[in-house]
Amino acid sequence: MPRRPPPGIFGFVALPRVTLVLGGARSGKSRHAEAMVEEAAANGLYIATAAAGDGEMADRIRHHRERRGPFWTTIEEPMHLAHAIEAHALPGRPILVDCLTLWLSNLMLEGRAVEAETERLVATLAETTVPVVLVANEVGQGIVPENALARAFRDQAGRLNQRMAALADRVLMMVAGLPVTVKDEDPDPTD
């Protein structure tokens, strides 16, 4: 069993080893995840998975970068997420991954083996000794998509979210900017 990250120091709030923050579009997932990490450490690592495929997405990425500020060291890694976590994890510096859903989309568009990449991520998260906060979209609450690619994406996203939720110590669902606790296996990490 990997070591648990040390409890919060210098007045910081301790984070669980793995936290999953789920929600719909514009639910406040990213802001809440950022605030969690900012309350837990003197600095954080932001692994951004978005790729600017068009002007609108480039604007979204720019907006996220502007909002973050000097607290964050940002790594842009749209494909090799497990490797980025392994290569950049430092003691005392929590990691925020934003977001798993875009990472999944990138993998599918490149024809990568999603199950194998997911297993590698699960193994990395199980071994890391720094807190990791994962952000993902909950895409399965709408209508059944009309085309095969969209249905495959929705199904893969659901499976990915289930794997991450099973591994996570804490799972939050953002609803209208408010966090709802879905799972909290260690409400007091100082025990």
N, C-alpha and C. Protein backbone atom coordinates (compact mmCIF):
# COMPACT_ATOMS: atom_id res chain seq x y z
N MET A 1 0.85 -1.19 0.00
CA MET A 1 0.00 0.00 0.00
C MET A 1 0.89 1.24 0.00
N PRO A 2 0.65 2.20 -0.90
CA PRO A 2 1.48 3.41 -0.94
C PRO A 2 1.28 4.25 0.31
N ARG A 3 2.30 5.03 0.62
CA ARG A 3 2.20 5.94 1.76
C ARG A 3 1.14 6.99 1.52
N ARG A 4 0.43 7.34 2.58
CA ARG A 4 -0.54 8.43 2.52
C ARG A 4 0.23 9.74 2.56
N PRO A 5 -0.20 10.73 1.78
CA PRO A 5 0.45 12.04 1.86
C PRO A 5 0.36 12.57 3.29
N PRO A 6 1.33 13.35 3.73
CA PRO A 6 1.29 13.88 5.09
C PRO A 6 0.09 14.82 5.27
N PRO A 7 -0.43 14.90 6.51
CA PRO A 7 -1.53 15.83 6.74
C PRO A 7 -1.09 17.25 6.44
N GLY A 8 -2.06 18.13 6.27
CA GLY A 8 -1.76 19.52 5.94
C GLY A 8 -0.77 20.14 6.93
N ILE A 9 0.14 20.94 6.39
CA ILE A 9 1.12 21.60 7.24
C ILE A 9 0.99 23.10 7.04
N PHE A 10 1.52 23.85 7.94
CA PHE A 10 1.49 25.31 7.85
C PHE A 10 0.06 25.84 7.68
N GLY A 11 -0.91 25.15 8.30
CA GLY A 11 -2.28 25.62 8.23
C GLY A 11 -3.03 25.19 6.98
N PHE A 12 -2.40 24.41 6.11
CA PHE A 12 -3.07 23.96 4.90
C PHE A 12 -4.05 22.84 5.22
N VAL A 13 -5.03 22.66 4.36
CA VAL A 13 -6.02 21.61 4.49
C VAL A 13 -5.50 20.37 3.77
N ALA A 14 -5.46 19.23 4.47
CA ALA A 14 -4.94 18.00 3.86
C ALA A 14 -5.92 17.47 2.82
N LEU A 15 -5.37 17.01 1.70
CA LEU A 15 -6.17 16.38 0.65
C LEU A 15 -6.05 14.87 0.76
N PRO A 16 -7.11 14.14 0.38
CA PRO A 16 -6.98 12.69 0.26
C PRO A 16 -5.98 12.35 -0.85
N ARG A 17 -5.56 11.11 -0.91
CA ARG A 17 -4.61 10.67 -1.94
C ARG A 17 -5.16 10.92 -3.34
N VAL A 18 -6.42 10.51 -3.60
CA VAL A 18 -7.05 10.75 -4.91
C VAL A 18 -8.45 11.29 -4.68
N THR A 19 -8.75 12.40 -5.33
CA THR A 19 -10.07 13.02 -5.30
C THR A 19 -10.57 13.12 -6.73
N LEU A 20 -11.82 12.76 -6.97
CA LEU A 20 -12.46 12.89 -8.28
C LEU A 20 -13.55 13.94 -8.16
N VAL A 21 -13.49 14.96 -9.01
CA VAL A 21 -14.50 16.01 -9.05
C VAL A 21 -15.24 15.89 -10.38
N LEU A 22 -16.50 15.48 -10.30
CA LEU A 22 -17.35 15.28 -11.47
C LEU A 22 -18.37 16.41 -11.59
N GLY A 23 -18.90 16.59 -12.78
CA GLY A 23 -19.98 17.55 -12.97
C GLY A 23 -20.25 17.76 -14.44
N GLY A 24 -21.32 18.45 -14.71
CA GLY A 24 -21.67 18.79 -16.08
C GLY A 24 -20.90 20.01 -16.55
N ALA A 25 -21.20 20.42 -17.77
CA ALA A 25 -20.56 21.61 -18.34
C ALA A 25 -20.92 22.83 -17.50
N ARG A 26 -19.92 23.65 -17.21
CA ARG A 26 -20.09 24.90 -16.46
C ARG A 26 -20.68 24.68 -15.06
N SER A 27 -20.35 23.54 -14.46
CA SER A 27 -20.86 23.25 -13.11
C SER A 27 -19.95 23.78 -12.01
N GLY A 28 -18.75 24.26 -12.38
CA GLY A 28 -17.80 24.75 -11.39
C GLY A 28 -16.75 23.73 -11.00
N LYS A 29 -16.62 22.66 -11.80
CA LYS A 29 -15.65 21.59 -11.49
C LYS A 29 -14.24 22.11 -11.36
N SER A 30 -13.77 22.79 -12.39
CA SER A 30 -12.37 23.23 -12.40
C SER A 30 -12.08 24.22 -11.28
N ARG A 31 -12.94 25.19 -11.10
CA ARG A 31 -12.71 26.18 -10.05
C ARG A 31 -12.68 25.54 -8.67
N HIS A 32 -13.60 24.60 -8.44
CA HIS A 32 -13.62 23.95 -7.14
C HIS A 32 -12.36 23.11 -6.93
N ALA A 33 -11.96 22.36 -7.95
CA ALA A 33 -10.75 21.54 -7.85
C ALA A 33 -9.52 22.42 -7.61
N GLU A 34 -9.44 23.53 -8.31
CA GLU A 34 -8.32 24.46 -8.12
C GLU A 34 -8.30 24.97 -6.68
N ALA A 35 -9.46 25.36 -6.17
CA ALA A 35 -9.54 25.88 -4.80
C ALA A 35 -9.11 24.83 -3.78
N MET A 36 -9.49 23.57 -4.02
CA MET A 36 -9.09 22.49 -3.10
C MET A 36 -7.57 22.40 -3.01
N VAL A 37 -6.91 22.42 -4.17
CA VAL A 37 -5.45 22.30 -4.18
C VAL A 37 -4.81 23.56 -3.58
N GLU A 38 -5.34 24.73 -3.90
CA GLU A 38 -4.78 25.98 -3.38
C GLU A 38 -4.88 26.06 -1.86
N GLU A 39 -5.88 25.41 -1.27
CA GLU A 39 -6.03 25.38 0.19
C GLU A 39 -5.13 24.35 0.84
N ALA A 40 -4.52 23.48 0.02
CA ALA A 40 -3.76 22.35 0.57
C ALA A 40 -2.25 22.49 0.50
N ALA A 41 -1.74 23.49 -0.23
CA ALA A 41 -0.29 23.54 -0.43
C ALA A 41 0.16 24.95 -0.81
N ALA A 42 1.46 25.12 -0.83
CA ALA A 42 2.03 26.41 -1.22
C ALA A 42 2.11 26.57 -2.74
N ASN A 43 2.04 25.45 -3.46
CA ASN A 43 2.02 25.48 -4.92
C ASN A 43 1.45 24.17 -5.43
N GLY A 44 1.05 24.15 -6.70
CA GLY A 44 0.45 22.95 -7.27
C GLY A 44 0.89 22.73 -8.70
N LEU A 45 0.74 21.50 -9.14
CA LEU A 45 1.01 21.13 -10.53
C LEU A 45 -0.32 20.96 -11.24
N TYR A 46 -0.47 21.65 -12.35
CA TYR A 46 -1.71 21.59 -13.15
C TYR A 46 -1.39 20.84 -14.43
N ILE A 47 -1.96 19.65 -14.59
CA ILE A 47 -1.79 18.90 -15.83
C ILE A 47 -3.04 19.14 -16.66
N ALA A 48 -2.87 19.91 -17.73
CA ALA A 48 -3.97 20.26 -18.62
C ALA A 48 -3.98 19.30 -19.80
N THR A 49 -5.13 18.71 -20.09
CA THR A 49 -5.22 17.72 -21.15
C THR A 49 -5.85 18.26 -22.43
N ALA A 50 -6.30 19.50 -22.41
CA ALA A 50 -6.97 20.07 -23.58
C ALA A 50 -5.99 20.34 -24.72
N ALA A 51 -6.46 20.15 -25.92
CA ALA A 51 -5.71 20.50 -27.13
C ALA A 51 -6.56 21.50 -27.90
N ALA A 52 -5.93 22.57 -28.35
CA ALA A 52 -6.66 23.63 -29.05
C ALA A 52 -6.90 23.23 -30.50
N GLY A 53 -8.01 22.57 -30.74
CA GLY A 53 -8.33 22.13 -32.09
C GLY A 53 -9.02 23.18 -32.93
N ASP A 54 -9.54 24.23 -32.29
CA ASP A 54 -10.20 25.31 -33.01
C ASP A 54 -10.12 26.59 -32.18
N GLY A 55 -10.60 27.68 -32.72
CA GLY A 55 -10.51 28.98 -32.05
C GLY A 55 -11.26 29.03 -30.74
N GLU A 56 -12.43 28.42 -30.69
CA GLU A 56 -13.22 28.45 -29.46
C GLU A 56 -12.50 27.70 -28.34
N MET A 57 -11.90 26.56 -28.67
CA MET A 57 -11.18 25.80 -27.66
C MET A 57 -9.91 26.55 -27.24
N ALA A 58 -9.26 27.19 -28.17
CA ALA A 58 -8.08 28.01 -27.84
C ALA A 58 -8.46 29.11 -26.86
N ASP A 59 -9.64 29.72 -27.04
CA ASP A 59 -10.11 30.75 -26.11
C ASP A 59 -10.36 30.17 -24.72
N ARG A 60 -10.94 28.98 -24.66
CA ARG A 60 -11.19 28.33 -23.36
C ARG A 60 -9.87 28.06 -22.63
N ILE A 61 -8.90 27.54 -23.38
CA ILE A 61 -7.59 27.25 -22.78
C ILE A 61 -6.95 28.53 -22.27
N ARG A 62 -7.01 29.59 -23.07
CA ARG A 62 -6.45 30.88 -22.66
C ARG A 62 -7.12 31.39 -21.39
N HIS A 63 -8.44 31.29 -21.32
CA HIS A 63 -9.19 31.73 -20.14
C HIS A 63 -8.75 30.95 -18.90
N HIS A 64 -8.60 29.64 -19.03
CA HIS A 64 -8.15 28.82 -17.90
C HIS A 64 -6.74 29.23 -17.46
N ARG A 65 -5.84 29.46 -18.41
CA ARG A 65 -4.47 29.86 -18.08
C ARG A 65 -4.46 31.18 -17.33
N GLU A 66 -5.22 32.16 -17.82
CA GLU A 66 -5.26 33.48 -17.19
C GLU A 66 -5.79 33.41 -15.77
N ARG A 67 -6.74 32.52 -15.52
CA ARG A 67 -7.35 32.41 -14.21
C ARG A 67 -6.40 31.81 -13.18
N ARG A 68 -5.47 30.98 -13.60
CA ARG A 68 -4.66 30.21 -12.65
C ARG A 68 -3.65 31.03 -11.87
N GLY A 69 -2.79 31.73 -12.48
CA GLY A 69 -1.81 32.53 -11.74
C GLY A 69 -0.56 31.77 -11.35
N PRO A 70 0.32 32.44 -10.56
CA PRO A 70 1.66 31.91 -10.27
C PRO A 70 1.70 30.73 -9.30
N PHE A 71 0.63 30.44 -8.62
CA PHE A 71 0.59 29.29 -7.71
C PHE A 71 0.89 28.00 -8.47
N TRP A 72 0.47 27.97 -9.73
CA TRP A 72 0.48 26.75 -10.52
C TRP A 72 1.69 26.64 -11.45
N THR A 73 2.25 25.43 -11.52
CA THR A 73 3.13 25.03 -12.60
C THR A 73 2.26 24.21 -13.55
N THR A 74 2.20 24.61 -14.81
CA THR A 74 1.30 23.95 -15.76
C THR A 74 2.08 23.09 -16.74
N ILE A 75 1.61 21.86 -16.89
CA ILE A 75 2.12 20.92 -17.89
C ILE A 75 0.95 20.64 -18.82
N GLU A 76 1.15 20.83 -20.10
CA GLU A 76 0.10 20.50 -21.07
C GLU A 76 0.42 19.14 -21.66
N GLU A 77 -0.44 18.17 -21.36
CA GLU A 77 -0.21 16.79 -21.79
C GLU A 77 -1.54 16.16 -22.21
N PRO A 78 -1.85 16.21 -23.50
CA PRO A 78 -3.13 15.70 -23.96
C PRO A 78 -3.21 14.17 -24.08
N MET A 79 -2.10 13.45 -24.02
CA MET A 79 -2.13 12.01 -24.28
C MET A 79 -1.49 11.16 -23.17
N HIS A 80 -0.33 11.50 -22.73
CA HIS A 80 0.47 10.64 -21.85
C HIS A 80 0.31 11.06 -20.38
N LEU A 81 -0.90 10.89 -19.89
CA LEU A 81 -1.25 11.39 -18.57
C LEU A 81 -0.52 10.66 -17.45
N ALA A 82 -0.49 9.34 -17.48
CA ALA A 82 0.20 8.59 -16.42
C ALA A 82 1.67 8.99 -16.36
N HIS A 83 2.30 9.10 -17.51
CA HIS A 83 3.71 9.49 -17.55
C HIS A 83 3.91 10.90 -16.96
N ALA A 84 3.01 11.82 -17.28
CA ALA A 84 3.13 13.19 -16.76
C ALA A 84 3.04 13.20 -15.23
N ILE A 85 2.14 12.40 -14.68
CA ILE A 85 2.02 12.32 -13.22
C ILE A 85 3.30 11.74 -12.63
N GLU A 86 3.79 10.65 -13.21
CA GLU A 86 5.00 10.01 -12.71
C GLU A 86 6.21 10.94 -12.80
N ALA A 87 6.34 11.64 -13.91
CA ALA A 87 7.53 12.45 -14.17
C ALA A 87 7.57 13.75 -13.37
N HIS A 88 6.41 14.27 -13.01
CA HIS A 88 6.38 15.61 -12.41
C HIS A 88 5.92 15.64 -10.95
N ALA A 89 5.64 14.48 -10.35
CA ALA A 89 5.21 14.45 -8.96
C ALA A 89 6.36 14.84 -8.04
N LEU A 90 6.10 15.81 -7.17
CA LEU A 90 7.08 16.24 -6.17
C LEU A 90 6.42 16.22 -4.79
N PRO A 91 7.15 15.81 -3.76
CA PRO A 91 6.58 15.81 -2.42
C PRO A 91 6.07 17.21 -2.05
N GLY A 92 4.89 17.26 -1.44
CA GLY A 92 4.33 18.52 -0.99
C GLY A 92 3.65 19.34 -2.07
N ARG A 93 3.62 18.84 -3.31
CA ARG A 93 2.98 19.58 -4.40
C ARG A 93 1.85 18.73 -4.99
N PRO A 94 0.59 19.02 -4.60
CA PRO A 94 -0.53 18.27 -5.15
C PRO A 94 -0.63 18.47 -6.67
N ILE A 95 -1.26 17.49 -7.31
CA ILE A 95 -1.45 17.51 -8.75
C ILE A 95 -2.93 17.63 -9.06
N LEU A 96 -3.26 18.52 -9.98
CA LEU A 96 -4.63 18.64 -10.50
C LEU A 96 -4.61 18.23 -11.96
N VAL A 97 -5.48 17.32 -12.34
CA VAL A 97 -5.62 16.89 -13.74
C VAL A 97 -6.96 17.42 -14.24
N ASP A 98 -6.90 18.26 -15.27
CA ASP A 98 -8.11 18.86 -15.82
C ASP A 98 -8.04 18.77 -17.34
N CYS A 99 -8.77 17.87 -17.98
CA CYS A 99 -9.70 16.97 -17.38
C CYS A 99 -9.60 15.59 -18.02
N LEU A 100 -10.09 14.60 -17.30
CA LEU A 100 -10.07 13.23 -17.80
C LEU A 100 -10.91 13.06 -19.06
N THR A 101 -11.99 13.79 -19.17
CA THR A 101 -12.89 13.64 -20.31
C THR A 101 -12.22 14.10 -21.60
N LEU A 102 -11.48 15.21 -21.56
CA LEU A 102 -10.74 15.65 -22.73
C LEU A 102 -9.61 14.69 -23.06
N TRP A 103 -8.96 14.16 -22.02
CA TRP A 103 -7.92 13.15 -22.23
C TRP A 103 -8.51 11.94 -22.97
N LEU A 104 -9.67 11.48 -22.52
CA LEU A 104 -10.34 10.35 -23.18
C LEU A 104 -10.65 10.68 -24.63
N SER A 105 -11.16 11.86 -24.87
CA SER A 105 -11.47 12.29 -26.25
C SER A 105 -10.21 12.26 -27.11
N ASN A 106 -9.11 12.78 -26.57
CA ASN A 106 -7.84 12.77 -27.30
C ASN A 106 -7.41 11.36 -27.65
N LEU A 107 -7.52 10.45 -26.67
CA LEU A 107 -7.14 9.05 -26.92
C LEU A 107 -7.98 8.43 -28.02
N MET A 108 -9.30 8.65 -27.94
CA MET A 108 -10.20 8.05 -28.92
C MET A 108 -9.95 8.61 -30.31
N LEU A 109 -9.74 9.92 -30.41
CA LEU A 109 -9.49 10.52 -31.72
C LEU A 109 -8.19 10.04 -32.35
N GLU A 110 -7.22 9.66 -31.52
CA GLU A 110 -5.95 9.15 -32.02
C GLU A 110 -5.95 7.63 -32.19
N GLY A 111 -7.08 6.98 -31.88
CA GLY A 111 -7.18 5.53 -32.02
C GLY A 111 -6.36 4.75 -31.01
N ARG A 112 -6.09 5.36 -29.87
CA ARG A 112 -5.30 4.70 -28.83
C ARG A 112 -6.16 3.66 -28.10
N ALA A 113 -5.51 2.74 -27.43
CA ALA A 113 -6.18 1.70 -26.65
C ALA A 113 -6.61 2.29 -25.31
N VAL A 114 -7.87 2.69 -25.22
CA VAL A 114 -8.37 3.40 -24.04
C VAL A 114 -8.24 2.54 -22.79
N GLU A 115 -8.58 1.26 -22.89
CA GLU A 115 -8.52 0.40 -21.70
C GLU A 115 -7.09 0.29 -21.17
N ALA A 116 -6.13 0.14 -22.06
CA ALA A 116 -4.73 0.03 -21.64
C ALA A 116 -4.24 1.34 -21.00
N GLU A 117 -4.61 2.46 -21.60
CA GLU A 117 -4.22 3.76 -21.04
C GLU A 117 -4.87 3.98 -19.68
N THR A 118 -6.13 3.54 -19.55
CA THR A 118 -6.83 3.67 -18.27
C THR A 118 -6.15 2.82 -17.20
N GLU A 119 -5.76 1.60 -17.56
CA GLU A 119 -5.07 0.73 -16.60
C GLU A 119 -3.74 1.33 -16.16
N ARG A 120 -3.04 1.94 -17.09
CA ARG A 120 -1.77 2.59 -16.73
C ARG A 120 -2.02 3.75 -15.77
N LEU A 121 -3.06 4.53 -16.03
CA LEU A 121 -3.40 5.63 -15.13
C LEU A 121 -3.79 5.11 -13.75
N VAL A 122 -4.61 4.07 -13.70
CA VAL A 122 -5.01 3.47 -12.42
C VAL A 122 -3.77 3.02 -11.64
N ALA A 123 -2.85 2.34 -12.31
CA ALA A 123 -1.63 1.87 -11.65
C ALA A 123 -0.80 3.04 -11.12
N THR A 124 -0.69 4.10 -11.91
CA THR A 124 0.07 5.28 -11.49
C THR A 124 -0.57 5.93 -10.28
N LEU A 125 -1.89 6.09 -10.31
CA LEU A 125 -2.59 6.72 -9.19
C LEU A 125 -2.49 5.87 -7.92
N ALA A 126 -2.49 4.56 -8.08
CA ALA A 126 -2.40 3.68 -6.92
C ALA A 126 -1.03 3.77 -6.26
N GLU A 127 -0.01 4.14 -7.01
CA GLU A 127 1.35 4.18 -6.49
C GLU A 127 1.82 5.57 -6.07
N THR A 128 1.17 6.62 -6.53
CA THR A 128 1.66 7.96 -6.24
C THR A 128 1.52 8.28 -4.75
N THR A 129 2.44 9.08 -4.26
CA THR A 129 2.42 9.46 -2.85
C THR A 129 2.04 10.92 -2.66
N VAL A 130 1.71 11.61 -3.75
CA VAL A 130 1.23 13.00 -3.64
C VAL A 130 -0.26 13.02 -3.93
N PRO A 131 -1.00 13.93 -3.31
CA PRO A 131 -2.43 14.01 -3.60
C PRO A 131 -2.68 14.39 -5.07
N VAL A 132 -3.67 13.73 -5.66
CA VAL A 132 -4.06 14.01 -7.04
C VAL A 132 -5.56 14.31 -7.05
N VAL A 133 -5.92 15.44 -7.67
CA VAL A 133 -7.32 15.81 -7.85
C VAL A 133 -7.62 15.70 -9.34
N LEU A 134 -8.59 14.86 -9.67
CA LEU A 134 -8.99 14.61 -11.05
C LEU A 134 -10.31 15.31 -11.33
N VAL A 135 -10.41 15.95 -12.49
CA VAL A 135 -11.65 16.59 -12.92
C VAL A 135 -12.18 15.82 -14.11
N ALA A 136 -13.50 15.56 -14.12
CA ALA A 136 -14.10 14.84 -15.25
C ALA A 136 -15.54 15.30 -15.43
N ASN A 137 -16.01 15.21 -16.65
CA ASN A 137 -17.40 15.53 -16.96
C ASN A 137 -18.28 14.31 -16.73
N GLU A 138 -19.45 14.55 -16.20
CA GLU A 138 -20.46 13.51 -16.11
C GLU A 138 -21.31 13.65 -17.37
N VAL A 139 -21.14 12.73 -18.30
CA VAL A 139 -21.81 12.86 -19.60
C VAL A 139 -22.96 11.88 -19.79
N GLY A 140 -23.21 11.02 -18.83
CA GLY A 140 -24.20 9.97 -19.01
C GLY A 140 -25.60 10.29 -18.55
N GLN A 141 -25.89 11.54 -18.22
CA GLN A 141 -27.21 11.86 -17.70
C GLN A 141 -28.15 12.45 -18.75
N GLY A 142 -27.68 12.52 -19.98
CA GLY A 142 -28.51 13.09 -21.04
C GLY A 142 -29.14 12.00 -21.89
N ILE A 143 -29.58 12.40 -23.05
CA ILE A 143 -30.21 11.46 -23.97
C ILE A 143 -29.16 10.56 -24.62
N VAL A 144 -29.60 9.46 -25.18
CA VAL A 144 -28.69 8.56 -25.89
C VAL A 144 -28.27 9.26 -27.19
N PRO A 145 -26.96 9.41 -27.41
CA PRO A 145 -26.50 10.08 -28.63
C PRO A 145 -26.97 9.34 -29.88
N GLU A 146 -27.12 10.09 -30.98
CA GLU A 146 -27.66 9.50 -32.20
C GLU A 146 -26.62 8.82 -33.08
N ASN A 147 -25.32 9.06 -32.83
CA ASN A 147 -24.34 8.40 -33.69
C ASN A 147 -23.41 7.50 -32.87
N ALA A 148 -22.79 6.55 -33.58
CA ALA A 148 -22.00 5.51 -32.92
C ALA A 148 -20.79 6.08 -32.17
N LEU A 149 -20.09 7.06 -32.77
CA LEU A 149 -18.91 7.62 -32.10
C LEU A 149 -19.30 8.30 -30.79
N ALA A 150 -20.37 9.06 -30.81
CA ALA A 150 -20.82 9.75 -29.60
C ALA A 150 -21.27 8.75 -28.53
N ARG A 151 -21.94 7.67 -28.95
CA ARG A 151 -22.34 6.64 -27.98
C ARG A 151 -21.11 5.94 -27.40
N ALA A 152 -20.13 5.64 -28.25
CA ALA A 152 -18.90 5.00 -27.77
C ALA A 152 -18.18 5.91 -26.78
N PHE A 153 -18.12 7.21 -27.08
CA PHE A 153 -17.48 8.16 -26.17
C PHE A 153 -18.22 8.21 -24.83
N ARG A 154 -19.53 8.32 -24.88
CA ARG A 154 -20.31 8.37 -23.64
C ARG A 154 -20.08 7.12 -22.81
N ASP A 155 -20.07 5.96 -23.46
CA ASP A 155 -19.86 4.70 -22.75
C ASP A 155 -18.45 4.62 -22.15
N GLN A 156 -17.45 5.03 -22.91
CA GLN A 156 -16.07 5.02 -22.41
C GLN A 156 -15.92 6.00 -21.25
N ALA A 157 -16.53 7.17 -21.36
CA ALA A 157 -16.46 8.16 -20.27
C ALA A 157 -17.09 7.60 -19.00
N GLY A 158 -18.21 6.93 -19.15
CA GLY A 158 -18.85 6.32 -17.98
C GLY A 158 -17.97 5.28 -17.32
N ARG A 159 -17.33 4.43 -18.14
CA ARG A 159 -16.43 3.41 -17.59
C ARG A 159 -15.21 4.04 -16.92
N LEU A 160 -14.64 5.07 -17.57
CA LEU A 160 -13.49 5.77 -16.99
C LEU A 160 -13.86 6.39 -15.65
N ASN A 161 -14.98 7.07 -15.59
CA ASN A 161 -15.41 7.70 -14.34
C ASN A 161 -15.63 6.66 -13.25
N GLN A 162 -16.20 5.52 -13.61
CA GLN A 162 -16.40 4.46 -12.61
C GLN A 162 -15.08 3.95 -12.07
N ARG A 163 -14.09 3.75 -12.94
CA ARG A 163 -12.77 3.28 -12.50
C ARG A 163 -12.13 4.30 -11.56
N MET A 164 -12.20 5.56 -11.93
CA MET A 164 -11.58 6.59 -11.10
C MET A 164 -12.32 6.73 -9.77
N ALA A 165 -13.64 6.65 -9.78
CA ALA A 165 -14.41 6.75 -8.54
C ALA A 165 -14.12 5.59 -7.61
N ALA A 166 -13.93 4.38 -8.16
CA ALA A 166 -13.61 3.23 -7.33
C ALA A 166 -12.26 3.40 -6.65
N LEU A 167 -11.31 4.00 -7.35
CA LEU A 167 -9.97 4.21 -6.82
C LEU A 167 -9.90 5.39 -5.85
N ALA A 168 -10.72 6.40 -6.09
CA ALA A 168 -10.64 7.66 -5.33
C ALA A 168 -11.04 7.48 -3.88
N ASP A 169 -10.40 8.25 -3.03
CA ASP A 169 -10.77 8.32 -1.62
C ASP A 169 -11.97 9.24 -1.42
N ARG A 170 -12.07 10.24 -2.29
CA ARG A 170 -13.17 11.20 -2.21
C ARG A 170 -13.69 11.46 -3.62
N VAL A 171 -15.02 11.50 -3.75
CA VAL A 171 -15.68 11.83 -5.02
C VAL A 171 -16.69 12.92 -4.74
N LEU A 172 -16.58 14.00 -5.50
CA LEU A 172 -17.52 15.12 -5.38
C LEU A 172 -18.25 15.28 -6.70
N MET A 173 -19.52 15.64 -6.64
CA MET A 173 -20.32 15.95 -7.82
C MET A 173 -20.70 17.42 -7.72
N MET A 174 -20.30 18.19 -8.71
CA MET A 174 -20.62 19.62 -8.71
C MET A 174 -22.00 19.82 -9.34
N VAL A 175 -22.85 20.53 -8.61
CA VAL A 175 -24.20 20.84 -9.08
C VAL A 175 -24.40 22.34 -8.90
N ALA A 176 -24.53 23.07 -10.00
CA ALA A 176 -24.75 24.52 -9.96
C ALA A 176 -23.71 25.23 -9.09
N GLY A 177 -22.45 24.79 -9.20
CA GLY A 177 -21.38 25.43 -8.45
C GLY A 177 -21.21 24.94 -7.03
N LEU A 178 -22.04 24.00 -6.60
CA LEU A 178 -21.98 23.49 -5.23
C LEU A 178 -21.47 22.06 -5.22
N PRO A 179 -20.51 21.74 -4.34
CA PRO A 179 -20.01 20.36 -4.26
C PRO A 179 -20.93 19.48 -3.43
N VAL A 180 -21.26 18.32 -3.96
CA VAL A 180 -22.05 17.32 -3.25
C VAL A 180 -21.13 16.11 -3.06
N THR A 181 -20.94 15.69 -1.83
CA THR A 181 -20.07 14.56 -1.55
C THR A 181 -20.78 13.27 -1.93
N VAL A 182 -20.15 12.52 -2.82
CA VAL A 182 -20.67 11.22 -3.26
C VAL A 182 -19.98 10.10 -2.48
N LYS A 183 -18.69 10.30 -2.21
CA LYS A 183 -17.89 9.29 -1.50
C LYS A 183 -16.82 10.01 -0.69
N ASP A 184 -16.63 9.57 0.53
CA ASP A 184 -15.55 10.12 1.36
C ASP A 184 -15.09 9.03 2.31
N GLU A 185 -14.06 8.29 1.88
CA GLU A 185 -13.60 7.15 2.66
C GLU A 185 -12.73 7.53 3.84
N ASP A 186 -12.23 8.75 3.85
CA ASP A 186 -11.38 9.18 4.96
C ASP A 186 -11.68 10.65 5.26
N PRO A 187 -12.82 10.93 5.93
CA PRO A 187 -13.18 12.32 6.18
C PRO A 187 -12.18 13.06 7.06
N ASP A 188 -11.38 12.33 7.86
CA ASP A 188 -10.37 12.97 8.70
C ASP A 188 -9.01 12.34 8.38
N PRO A 189 -8.25 12.92 7.45
CA PRO A 189 -6.99 12.32 7.05
C PRO A 189 -5.91 12.36 8.12
N THR A 190 -6.17 12.98 9.27
CA THR A 190 -5.17 13.02 10.33
C THR A 190 -5.25 11.81 11.25
N ASP A 191 -6.24 10.93 11.04
CA ASP A 191 -6.38 9.73 11.89
C ASP A 191 -5.16 8.85 11.78
